[in-house]
PDB file of N, CA and C in Angstrom:
ATOM      1  N   UNK A   1       8.922   3.421  13.773  1.00  0.00           N
ATOM      2  CA  UNK A   1       8.466   4.524  12.958  1.00  0.00           C
ATOM      3  C   UNK A   1       7.239   4.086  12.165  1.00  0.00           C
ATOM      4  N   UNK A   2       6.242   4.949  12.146  1.00  0.00           N
ATOM      5  CA  UNK A   2       5.030   4.683  11.387  1.00  0.00           C
ATOM      6  C   UNK A   2       5.215   5.160   9.953  1.00  0.00           C
ATOM      7  N   UNK A   3       4.572   4.432   9.031  1.00  0.00           N
ATOM      8  CA  UNK A   3       4.672   4.787   7.617  1.00  0.00           C
ATOM      9  C   UNK A   3       3.301   4.714   6.958  1.00  0.00           C
ATOM     10  N   UNK A   4       3.182   5.438   5.857  1.00  0.00           N
ATOM     11  CA  UNK A   4       2.049   5.310   4.948  1.00  0.00           C
ATOM     12  C   UNK A   4       2.648   4.830   3.629  1.00  0.00           C
ATOM     13  N   UNK A   5       2.086   3.761   3.088  1.00  0.00           N
ATOM     14  CA  UNK A   5       2.612   3.160   1.862  1.00  0.00           C
ATOM     15  C   UNK A   5       1.580   3.323   0.756  1.00  0.00           C
ATOM     16  N   UNK A   6       2.043   3.796  -0.401  1.00  0.00           N
ATOM     17  CA  UNK A   6       1.186   3.886  -1.583  1.00  0.00           C
ATOM     18  C   UNK A   6       1.458   2.695  -2.485  1.00  0.00           C
ATOM     19  N   UNK A   7       0.374   2.058  -2.919  1.00  0.00           N
ATOM     20  CA  UNK A   7       0.444   0.956  -3.874  1.00  0.00           C
ATOM     21  C   UNK A   7      -0.672   1.187  -4.887  1.00  0.00           C
ATOM     22  N   UNK A   8      -0.348   1.165  -6.176  1.00  0.00           N
ATOM     23  CA  UNK A   8      -1.399   1.227  -7.180  1.00  0.00           C
ATOM     24  C   UNK A   8      -1.628  -0.174  -7.730  1.00  0.00           C
ATOM     25  N   UNK A   9      -2.891  -0.453  -8.042  1.00  0.00           N
ATOM     26  CA  UNK A   9      -3.275  -1.747  -8.611  1.00  0.00           C
ATOM     27  C   UNK A   9      -4.117  -1.501  -9.854  1.00  0.00           C
ATOM     28  N   UNK A  10      -4.148  -2.481 -10.734  1.00  0.00           N
ATOM     29  CA  UNK A  10      -4.839  -2.329 -12.002  1.00  0.00           C
ATOM     30  C   UNK A  10      -6.351  -2.260 -11.905  1.00  0.00           C
ATOM     31  N   UNK A  11      -6.908  -2.788 -10.811  1.00  0.00           N
ATOM     32  CA  UNK A  11      -8.363  -2.752 -10.642  1.00  0.00           C
ATOM     33  C   UNK A  11      -8.719  -2.958  -9.171  1.00  0.00           C
ATOM     34  N   UNK A  12      -9.989  -2.746  -8.859  1.00  0.00           N
ATOM     35  CA  UNK A  12     -10.440  -2.817  -7.470  1.00  0.00           C
ATOM     36  C   UNK A  12     -10.318  -4.232  -6.898  1.00  0.00           C
ATOM     37  N   UNK A  13     -10.596  -5.231  -7.714  1.00  0.00           N
ATOM     38  CA  UNK A  13     -10.515  -6.617  -7.229  1.00  0.00           C
ATOM     39  C   UNK A  13      -9.097  -6.952  -6.776  1.00  0.00           C
ATOM     40  N   UNK A  14      -8.105  -6.570  -7.591  1.00  0.00           N
ATOM     41  CA  UNK A  14      -6.718  -6.809  -7.217  1.00  0.00           C
ATOM     42  C   UNK A  14      -6.354  -6.016  -5.964  1.00  0.00           C
ATOM     43  N   UNK A  15      -6.800  -4.776  -5.881  1.00  0.00           N
ATOM     44  CA  UNK A  15      -6.525  -3.940  -4.714  1.00  0.00           C
ATOM     45  C   UNK A  15      -7.110  -4.569  -3.448  1.00  0.00           C
ATOM     46  N   UNK A  16      -8.320  -5.086  -3.539  1.00  0.00           N
ATOM     47  CA  UNK A  16      -8.953  -5.714  -2.376  1.00  0.00           C
ATOM     48  C   UNK A  16      -8.210  -6.977  -1.958  1.00  0.00           C
ATOM     49  N   UNK A  17      -7.706  -7.733  -2.933  1.00  0.00           N
ATOM     50  CA  UNK A  17      -6.934  -8.946  -2.628  1.00  0.00           C
ATOM     51  C   UNK A  17      -5.650  -8.589  -1.885  1.00  0.00           C
ATOM     52  N   UNK A  18      -4.965  -7.566  -2.362  1.00  0.00           N
ATOM     53  CA  UNK A  18      -3.729  -7.121  -1.710  1.00  0.00           C
ATOM     54  C   UNK A  18      -4.031  -6.600  -0.306  1.00  0.00           C
ATOM     55  N   UNK A  19      -5.050  -5.759  -0.187  1.00  0.00           N
ATOM     56  CA  UNK A  19      -5.420  -5.195   1.118  1.00  0.00           C
ATOM     57  C   UNK A  19      -5.756  -6.296   2.119  1.00  0.00           C
ATOM     58  N   UNK A  20      -6.565  -7.251   1.708  1.00  0.00           N
ATOM     59  CA  UNK A  20      -6.948  -8.347   2.607  1.00  0.00           C
ATOM     60  C   UNK A  20      -5.733  -9.156   3.044  1.00  0.00           C
ATOM     61  N   UNK A  21      -4.828  -9.426   2.113  1.00  0.00           N
ATOM     62  CA  UNK A  21      -3.617 -10.172   2.457  1.00  0.00           C
ATOM     63  C   UNK A  21      -2.770  -9.448   3.476  1.00  0.00           C
ATOM     64  N   UNK A  22      -2.606  -8.141   3.295  1.00  0.00           N
ATOM     65  CA  UNK A  22      -1.803  -7.347   4.232  1.00  0.00           C
ATOM     66  C   UNK A  22      -2.425  -7.324   5.624  1.00  0.00           C
ATOM     67  N   UNK A  23      -3.744  -7.172   5.685  1.00  0.00           N
ATOM     68  CA  UNK A  23      -4.440  -7.128   6.977  1.00  0.00           C
ATOM     69  C   UNK A  23      -4.373  -8.493   7.662  1.00  0.00           C
ATOM     70  N   UNK A  24      -4.648  -9.561   6.919  1.00  0.00           N
ATOM     71  CA  UNK A  24      -4.654 -10.906   7.507  1.00  0.00           C
ATOM     72  C   UNK A  24      -3.295 -11.309   8.071  1.00  0.00           C
ATOM     73  N   UNK A  25      -2.207 -10.825   7.458  1.00  0.00           N
ATOM     74  CA  UNK A  25      -0.851 -11.162   7.925  1.00  0.00           C
ATOM     75  C   UNK A  25      -0.306 -10.131   8.916  1.00  0.00           C
ATOM     76  N   UNK A  26      -1.155  -9.209   9.379  1.00  0.00           N
ATOM     77  CA  UNK A  26      -0.754  -8.170  10.332  1.00  0.00           C
ATOM     78  C   UNK A  26       0.399  -7.313   9.815  1.00  0.00           C
ATOM     79  N   UNK A  27       0.418  -7.083   8.516  1.00  0.00           N
ATOM     80  CA  UNK A  27       1.439  -6.215   7.917  1.00  0.00           C
ATOM     81  C   UNK A  27       0.930  -4.787   7.766  1.00  0.00           C
ATOM     82  N   UNK A  28      -0.360  -4.592   7.966  1.00  0.00           N
ATOM     83  CA  UNK A  28      -0.979  -3.264   7.901  1.00  0.00           C
ATOM     84  C   UNK A  28      -2.107  -3.200   8.909  1.00  0.00           C
ATOM     85  N   UNK A  29      -2.306  -2.011   9.468  1.00  0.00           N
ATOM     86  CA  UNK A  29      -3.411  -1.799  10.392  1.00  0.00           C
ATOM     87  C   UNK A  29      -4.680  -1.435   9.635  1.00  0.00           C
ATOM     88  N   UNK A  30      -4.510  -0.734   8.520  1.00  0.00           N
ATOM     89  CA  UNK A  30      -5.641  -0.233   7.747  1.00  0.00           C
ATOM     90  C   UNK A  30      -5.185  -0.009   6.312  1.00  0.00           C
ATOM     91  N   UNK A  31      -6.076  -0.279   5.369  1.00  0.00           N
ATOM     92  CA  UNK A  31      -5.804   0.003   3.964  1.00  0.00           C
ATOM     93  C   UNK A  31      -7.026   0.687   3.374  1.00  0.00           C
ATOM     94  N   UNK A  32      -6.821   1.884   2.849  1.00  0.00           N
ATOM     95  CA  UNK A  32      -7.875   2.578   2.117  1.00  0.00           C
ATOM     96  C   UNK A  32      -7.686   2.309   0.633  1.00  0.00           C
ATOM     97  N   UNK A  33      -8.780   2.187  -0.095  1.00  0.00           N
ATOM     98  CA  UNK A  33      -8.720   1.972  -1.544  1.00  0.00           C
ATOM     99  C   UNK A  33      -9.526   3.067  -2.229  1.00  0.00           C
ATOM    100  N   UNK A  34      -8.875   3.758  -3.164  1.00  0.00           N
ATOM    101  CA  UNK A  34      -9.527   4.843  -3.896  1.00  0.00           C
ATOM    102  C   UNK A  34      -9.292   4.654  -5.397  1.00  0.00           C
ATOM    103  N   UNK A  35     -10.217   5.156  -6.203  1.00  0.00           N
ATOM    104  CA  UNK A  35     -10.036   5.146  -7.655  1.00  0.00           C
ATOM    105  C   UNK A  35      -9.218   6.366  -8.049  1.00  0.00           C
ATOM    106  N   UNK A  36      -8.251   6.161  -8.936  1.00  0.00           N
ATOM    107  CA  UNK A  36      -7.412   7.274  -9.406  1.00  0.00           C
ATOM    108  C   UNK A  36      -7.202   7.157 -10.907  1.00  0.00           C
ATOM    109  N   UNK A  37      -6.991   8.296 -11.543  1.00  0.00           N
ATOM    110  CA  UNK A  37      -6.557   8.343 -12.926  1.00  0.00           C
ATOM    111  C   UNK A  37      -5.059   8.588 -12.900  1.00  0.00           C
ATOM    112  N   UNK A  38      -4.291   7.671 -13.445  1.00  0.00           N
ATOM    113  CA  UNK A  38      -2.840   7.771 -13.415  1.00  0.00           C
ATOM    114  C   UNK A  38      -2.296   8.138 -14.793  1.00  0.00           C
ATOM    115  N   UNK A  39      -1.295   9.000 -14.792  1.00  0.00           N
ATOM    116  CA  UNK A  39      -0.553   9.358 -15.998  1.00  0.00           C
ATOM    117  C   UNK A  39       0.914   9.101 -15.660  1.00  0.00           C
ATOM    118  N   UNK A  40       1.596   8.284 -16.478  1.00  0.00           N
ATOM    119  CA  UNK A  40       2.948   7.874 -16.139  1.00  0.00           C
ATOM    120  C   UNK A  40       3.735   7.528 -17.401  1.00  0.00           C
ATOM    121  N   UNK A  41       5.042   7.516 -17.262  1.00  0.00           N
ATOM    122  CA  UNK A  41       5.938   7.162 -18.356  1.00  0.00           C
ATOM    123  C   UNK A  41       6.297   5.697 -18.229  1.00  0.00           C
ATOM    124  N   UNK A  42       6.009   4.888 -19.250  1.00  0.00           N
ATOM    125  CA  UNK A  42       6.287   3.455 -19.196  1.00  0.00           C
ATOM    126  C   UNK A  42       6.527   2.955 -20.614  1.00  0.00           C
ATOM    127  N   UNK A  43       7.555   2.143 -20.765  1.00  0.00           N
ATOM    128  CA  UNK A  43       7.906   1.544 -22.045  1.00  0.00           C
ATOM    129  C   UNK A  43       8.066   2.592 -23.149  1.00  0.00           C
ATOM    130  N   UNK A  44       8.729   3.692 -22.790  1.00  0.00           N
ATOM    131  CA  UNK A  44       9.091   4.710 -23.768  1.00  0.00           C
ATOM    132  C   UNK A  44       8.018   5.701 -24.158  1.00  0.00           C
ATOM    133  N   UNK A  45       6.873   5.660 -23.476  1.00  0.00           N
ATOM    134  CA  UNK A  45       5.834   6.631 -23.822  1.00  0.00           C
ATOM    135  C   UNK A  45       4.942   6.954 -22.629  1.00  0.00           C
ATOM    136  N   UNK A  46       4.191   8.040 -22.777  1.00  0.00           N
ATOM    137  CA  UNK A  46       3.246   8.454 -21.744  1.00  0.00           C
ATOM    138  C   UNK A  46       2.029   7.534 -21.793  1.00  0.00           C
ATOM    139  N   UNK A  47       1.673   6.991 -20.639  1.00  0.00           N
ATOM    140  CA  UNK A  47       0.534   6.080 -20.522  1.00  0.00           C
ATOM    141  C   UNK A  47      -0.526   6.723 -19.636  1.00  0.00           C
ATOM    142  N   UNK A  48      -1.760   6.314 -19.829  1.00  0.00           N
ATOM    143  CA  UNK A  48      -2.862   6.733 -18.962  1.00  0.00           C
ATOM    144  C   UNK A  48      -3.634   5.486 -18.564  1.00  0.00           C
ATOM    145  N   UNK A  49      -4.038   5.454 -17.292  1.00  0.00           N
ATOM    146  CA  UNK A  49      -4.742   4.275 -16.812  1.00  0.00           C
ATOM    147  C   UNK A  49      -5.643   4.630 -15.636  1.00  0.00           C
ATOM    148  N   UNK A  50      -6.751   3.949 -15.535  1.00  0.00           N
ATOM    149  CA  UNK A  50      -7.622   4.034 -14.359  1.00  0.00           C
ATOM    150  C   UNK A  50      -7.128   2.945 -13.409  1.00  0.00           C
ATOM    151  N   UNK A  51      -6.723   3.330 -12.213  1.00  0.00           N
ATOM    152  CA  UNK A  51      -6.177   2.366 -11.257  1.00  0.00           C
ATOM    153  C   UNK A  51      -6.858   2.519  -9.900  1.00  0.00           C
ATOM    154  N   UNK A  52      -6.556   1.581  -9.030  1.00  0.00           N
ATOM    155  CA  UNK A  52      -6.958   1.674  -7.630  1.00  0.00           C
ATOM    156  C   UNK A  52      -5.717   1.989  -6.810  1.00  0.00           C
ATOM    157  N   UNK A  53      -5.825   2.958  -5.923  1.00  0.00           N
ATOM    158  CA  UNK A  53      -4.726   3.351  -5.052  1.00  0.00           C
ATOM    159  C   UNK A  53      -4.973   2.817  -3.655  1.00  0.00           C
ATOM    160  N   UNK A  54      -4.024   2.041  -3.166  1.00  0.00           N
ATOM    161  CA  UNK A  54      -4.086   1.573  -1.786  1.00  0.00           C
ATOM    162  C   UNK A  54      -3.250   2.522  -0.931  1.00  0.00           C
ATOM    163  N   UNK A  55      -3.819   2.958   0.162  1.00  0.00           N
ATOM    164  CA  UNK A  55      -3.118   3.791   1.134  1.00  0.00           C
ATOM    165  C   UNK A  55      -3.022   2.938   2.395  1.00  0.00           C
ATOM    166  N   UNK A  56      -1.805   2.481   2.657  1.00  0.00           N
ATOM    167  CA  UNK A  56      -1.566   1.458   3.680  1.00  0.00           C
ATOM    168  C   UNK A  56      -0.913   2.091   4.902  1.00  0.00           C
ATOM    169  N   UNK A  57      -1.468   1.840   6.088  1.00  0.00           N
ATOM    170  CA  UNK A  57      -0.872   2.322   7.334  1.00  0.00           C
ATOM    171  C   UNK A  57      -0.159   1.167   8.019  1.00  0.00           C
ATOM    172  N   UNK A  58       1.136   1.372   8.302  1.00  0.00           N
ATOM    173  CA  UNK A  58       1.943   0.293   8.872  1.00  0.00           C
ATOM    174  C   UNK A  58       3.136   0.880   9.627  1.00  0.00           C
ATOM    175  N   UNK A  59       4.163   0.052   9.803  1.00  0.00           N
ATOM    176  CA  UNK A  59       5.390   0.499  10.454  1.00  0.00           C
ATOM    177  C   UNK A  59       6.583   0.178   9.551  1.00  0.00           C
ATOM    178  N   UNK A  60       7.651   0.912   9.753  1.00  0.00           N
ATOM    179  CA  UNK A  60       8.857   0.703   8.958  1.00  0.00           C
ATOM    180  C   UNK A  60       9.386  -0.721   9.130  1.00  0.00           C
ATOM    181  N   UNK A  61       9.271  -1.263  10.328  1.00  0.00           N
ATOM    182  CA  UNK A  61       9.762  -2.613  10.590  1.00  0.00           C
ATOM    183  C   UNK A  61       9.032  -3.659   9.744  1.00  0.00           C
ATOM    184  N   UNK A  62       7.785  -3.415   9.414  1.00  0.00           N
ATOM    185  CA  UNK A  62       6.997  -4.364   8.622  1.00  0.00           C
ATOM    186  C   UNK A  62       7.167  -4.169   7.117  1.00  0.00           C
ATOM    187  N   UNK A  63       7.825  -3.077   6.700  1.00  0.00           N
ATOM    188  CA  UNK A  63       7.889  -2.759   5.274  1.00  0.00           C
ATOM    189  C   UNK A  63       8.500  -3.860   4.403  1.00  0.00           C
ATOM    190  N   UNK A  64       9.617  -4.487   4.778  1.00  0.00           N
ATOM    191  CA  UNK A  64      10.168  -5.527   3.893  1.00  0.00           C
ATOM    192  C   UNK A  64       9.172  -6.659   3.610  1.00  0.00           C
ATOM    193  N   UNK A  65       8.489  -7.139   4.637  1.00  0.00           N
ATOM    194  CA  UNK A  65       7.489  -8.196   4.456  1.00  0.00           C
ATOM    195  C   UNK A  65       6.304  -7.683   3.646  1.00  0.00           C
ATOM    196  N   UNK A  66       5.876  -6.460   3.935  1.00  0.00           N
ATOM    197  CA  UNK A  66       4.766  -5.844   3.228  1.00  0.00           C
ATOM    198  C   UNK A  66       5.070  -5.757   1.730  1.00  0.00           C
ATOM    199  N   UNK A  67       6.252  -5.275   1.386  1.00  0.00           N
ATOM    200  CA  UNK A  67       6.641  -5.138  -0.020  1.00  0.00           C
ATOM    201  C   UNK A  67       6.685  -6.498  -0.716  1.00  0.00           C
ATOM    202  N   UNK A  68       7.216  -7.511  -0.031  1.00  0.00           N
ATOM    203  CA  UNK A  68       7.262  -8.854  -0.614  1.00  0.00           C
ATOM    204  C   UNK A  68       5.857  -9.393  -0.889  1.00  0.00           C
ATOM    205  N   UNK A  69       4.943  -9.167   0.069  1.00  0.00           N
ATOM    206  CA  UNK A  69       3.578  -9.655  -0.116  1.00  0.00           C
ATOM    207  C   UNK A  69       2.903  -8.933  -1.278  1.00  0.00           C
ATOM    208  N   UNK A  70       3.072  -7.610  -1.356  1.00  0.00           N
ATOM    209  CA  UNK A  70       2.479  -6.864  -2.471  1.00  0.00           C
ATOM    210  C   UNK A  70       2.981  -7.448  -3.790  1.00  0.00           C
ATOM    211  N   UNK A  71       4.283  -7.643  -3.909  1.00  0.00           N
ATOM    212  CA  UNK A  71       4.854  -8.175  -5.146  1.00  0.00           C
ATOM    213  C   UNK A  71       4.285  -9.553  -5.471  1.00  0.00           C
ATOM    214  N   UNK A  72       4.104 -10.390  -4.461  1.00  0.00           N
ATOM    215  CA  UNK A  72       3.608 -11.748  -4.702  1.00  0.00           C
ATOM    216  C   UNK A  72       2.146 -11.771  -5.146  1.00  0.00           C
ATOM    217  N   UNK A  73       1.366 -10.757  -4.769  1.00  0.00           N
ATOM    218  CA  UNK A  73      -0.062 -10.716  -5.110  1.00  0.00           C
ATOM    219  C   UNK A  73      -0.374  -9.816  -6.299  1.00  0.00           C
ATOM    220  N   UNK A  74       0.619  -9.092  -6.780  1.00  0.00           N
ATOM    221  CA  UNK A  74       0.401  -8.036  -7.771  1.00  0.00           C
ATOM    222  C   UNK A  74       0.595  -8.540  -9.193  1.00  0.00           C
ATOM    223  N   UNK A  75      -0.186  -7.994 -10.116  1.00  0.00           N
ATOM    224  CA  UNK A  75      -0.076  -8.385 -11.527  1.00  0.00           C
ATOM    225  C   UNK A  75       0.978  -7.584 -12.289  1.00  0.00           C
ATOM    226  N   UNK A  76       1.404  -6.429 -11.761  1.00  0.00           N
ATOM    227  CA  UNK A  76       2.382  -5.598 -12.464  1.00  0.00           C
ATOM    228  C   UNK A  76       3.791  -6.177 -12.312  1.00  0.00           C
ATOM    229  N   UNK A  77       4.610  -6.028 -13.352  1.00  0.00           N
ATOM    230  CA  UNK A  77       6.014  -6.424 -13.263  1.00  0.00           C
ATOM    231  C   UNK A  77       6.769  -5.562 -12.254  1.00  0.00           C
ATOM    232  N   UNK A  78       6.427  -4.265 -12.228  1.00  0.00           N
ATOM    233  CA  UNK A  78       7.088  -3.315 -11.330  1.00  0.00           C
ATOM    234  C   UNK A  78       6.002  -2.542 -10.575  1.00  0.00           C
ATOM    235  N   UNK A  79       5.451  -3.129  -9.510  1.00  0.00           N
ATOM    236  CA  UNK A  79       4.398  -2.425  -8.772  1.00  0.00           C
ATOM    237  C   UNK A  79       4.945  -1.246  -7.971  1.00  0.00           C
ATOM    238  N   UNK A  80       4.115  -0.240  -7.834  1.00  0.00           N
ATOM    239  CA  UNK A  80       4.452   0.894  -6.963  1.00  0.00           C
ATOM    240  C   UNK A  80       4.310   0.431  -5.520  1.00  0.00           C
ATOM    241  N   UNK A  81       5.369   0.566  -4.755  1.00  0.00           N
ATOM    242  CA  UNK A  81       5.340   0.302  -3.312  1.00  0.00           C
ATOM    243  C   UNK A  81       6.259   1.361  -2.708  1.00  0.00           C
ATOM    244  N   UNK A  82       5.666   2.478  -2.301  1.00  0.00           N
ATOM    245  CA  UNK A  82       6.429   3.635  -1.829  1.00  0.00           C
ATOM    246  C   UNK A  82       6.006   3.964  -0.402  1.00  0.00           C
ATOM    247  N   UNK A  83       6.958   3.993   0.508  1.00  0.00           N
ATOM    248  CA  UNK A  83       6.665   4.298   1.910  1.00  0.00           C
ATOM    249  C   UNK A  83       7.074   5.726   2.245  1.00  0.00           C
ATOM    250  N   UNK A  84       6.196   6.422   2.932  1.00  0.00           N
ATOM    251  CA  UNK A  84       6.459   7.772   3.419  1.00  0.00           C
ATOM    252  C   UNK A  84       6.397   7.763   4.941  1.00  0.00           C
ATOM    253  N   UNK A  85       7.301   8.477   5.601  1.00  0.00           N
ATOM    254  CA  UNK A  85       7.267   8.497   7.071  1.00  0.00           C
ATOM    255  C   UNK A  85       6.109   9.336   7.593  1.00  0.00           C
ATOM    256  N   UNK A  86       5.571   8.910   8.710  1.00  0.00           N
ATOM    257  CA  UNK A  86       4.573   9.711   9.426  1.00  0.00           C
ATOM    258  C   UNK A  86       5.358  10.537  10.434  1.00  0.00           C
ATOM    259  N   UNK A  87       5.374  11.846  10.245  1.00  0.00           N
ATOM    260  CA  UNK A  87       6.173  12.691  11.131  1.00  0.00           C
ATOM    261  C   UNK A  87       5.414  13.140  12.373  1.00  0.00           C
ATOM    262  N   UNK A  88       4.086  13.008  12.344  1.00  0.00           N
ATOM    263  CA  UNK A  88       3.260  13.328  13.507  1.00  0.00           C
ATOM    264  C   UNK A  88       1.919  12.642  13.318  1.00  0.00           C
ATOM    265  N   UNK A  89       1.216  12.413  14.418  1.00  0.00           N
ATOM    266  CA  UNK A  89      -0.093  11.782  14.335  1.00  0.00           C
ATOM    267  C   UNK A  89      -0.777  11.759  15.688  1.00  0.00           C
ATOM    268  N   UNK A  90      -2.051  11.513  15.659  1.00  0.00           N
ATOM    269  CA  UNK A  90      -2.850  11.384  16.877  1.00  0.00           C
ATOM    270  C   UNK A  90      -2.366  10.143  17.621  1.00  0.00           C
ATOM    271  N   UNK A  91      -1.841  10.331  18.825  1.00  0.00           N
ATOM    272  CA  UNK A  91      -1.165   9.250  19.551  1.00  0.00           C
ATOM    273  C   UNK A  91      -2.007   7.975  19.711  1.00  0.00           C
ATOM    274  N   UNK A  92      -3.305   8.085  20.053  1.00  0.00           N
ATOM    275  CA  UNK A  92      -4.094   6.850  20.150  1.00  0.00           C
ATOM    276  C   UNK A  92      -4.173   6.085  18.811  1.00  0.00           C
ATOM    277  N   UNK A  93      -4.214   6.806  17.699  1.00  0.00           N
ATOM    278  CA  UNK A  93      -4.255   6.153  16.389  1.00  0.00           C
ATOM    279  C   UNK A  93      -2.922   5.456  16.102  1.00  0.00           C
ATOM    280  N   UNK A  94      -1.823   6.128  16.422  1.00  0.00           N
ATOM    281  CA  UNK A  94      -0.508   5.530  16.199  1.00  0.00           C
ATOM    282  C   UNK A  94      -0.311   4.295  17.084  1.00  0.00           C
ATOM    283  N   UNK A  95      -0.823   4.347  18.320  1.00  0.00           N
ATOM    284  CA  UNK A  95      -0.767   3.167  19.198  1.00  0.00           C
ATOM    285  C   UNK A  95      -1.562   2.017  18.592  1.00  0.00           C
ATOM    286  N   UNK A  96      -2.730   2.338  18.015  1.00  0.00           N
ATOM    287  CA  UNK A  96      -3.567   1.321  17.378  1.00  0.00           C
ATOM    288  C   UNK A  96      -2.822   0.655  16.209  1.00  0.00           C
ATOM    289  N   UNK A  97      -2.107   1.443  15.417  1.00  0.00           N
ATOM    290  CA  UNK A  97      -1.301   0.855  14.337  1.00  0.00           C
ATOM    291  C   UNK A  97      -0.297  -0.131  14.924  1.00  0.00           C
ATOM    292  N   UNK A  98       0.412   0.286  15.974  1.00  0.00           N
ATOM    293  CA  UNK A  98       1.401  -0.602  16.610  1.00  0.00           C
ATOM    294  C   UNK A  98       0.755  -1.894  17.105  1.00  0.00           C
ATOM    295  N   UNK A  99      -0.390  -1.763  17.753  1.00  0.00           N
ATOM    296  CA  UNK A  99      -1.087  -2.950  18.279  1.00  0.00           C
ATOM    297  C   UNK A  99      -1.571  -3.847  17.146  1.00  0.00           C
ATOM    298  N   UNK A 100      -2.004  -3.259  16.049  1.00  0.00           N
ATOM    299  CA  UNK A 100      -2.553  -4.033  14.934  1.00  0.00           C
ATOM    300  C   UNK A 100      -1.504  -4.825  14.174  1.00  0.00           C
ATOM    301  N   UNK A 101      -0.317  -4.259  14.033  1.00  0.00           N
ATOM    302  CA  UNK A 101       0.730  -4.958  13.278  1.00  0.00           C
ATOM    303  C   UNK A 101       1.662  -5.745  14.183  1.00  0.00           C
ATOM    304  N   UNK A 102       1.505  -5.544  15.500  1.00  0.00           N
ATOM    305  CA  UNK A 102       2.240  -6.319  16.496  1.00  0.00           C
ATOM    306  C   UNK A 102       3.711  -6.156  16.430  1.00  0.00           C
TER     307      UNK A 102
END
């Protein structure tokens, strides 16, 4: 099963480090990085932060390793690592994901 994983990072440098690690270890086929404004509840109050959002394309089988790597490279105590299933996709692209993560 193919998945898209969302990971937020505190800045672009950290996001690039995580993305590179995932690609080098064949845990992701592609990682997009975008700037986002986040509003969230943390430590008893509403917080606002400028973050980098990683959009990771991978497979469900790789998720446990992917999550461990994100945690090992991440500065947050509780990083966002959320996987969503891909219910449909362009078959050649999905094959490429499979080939990329092996």
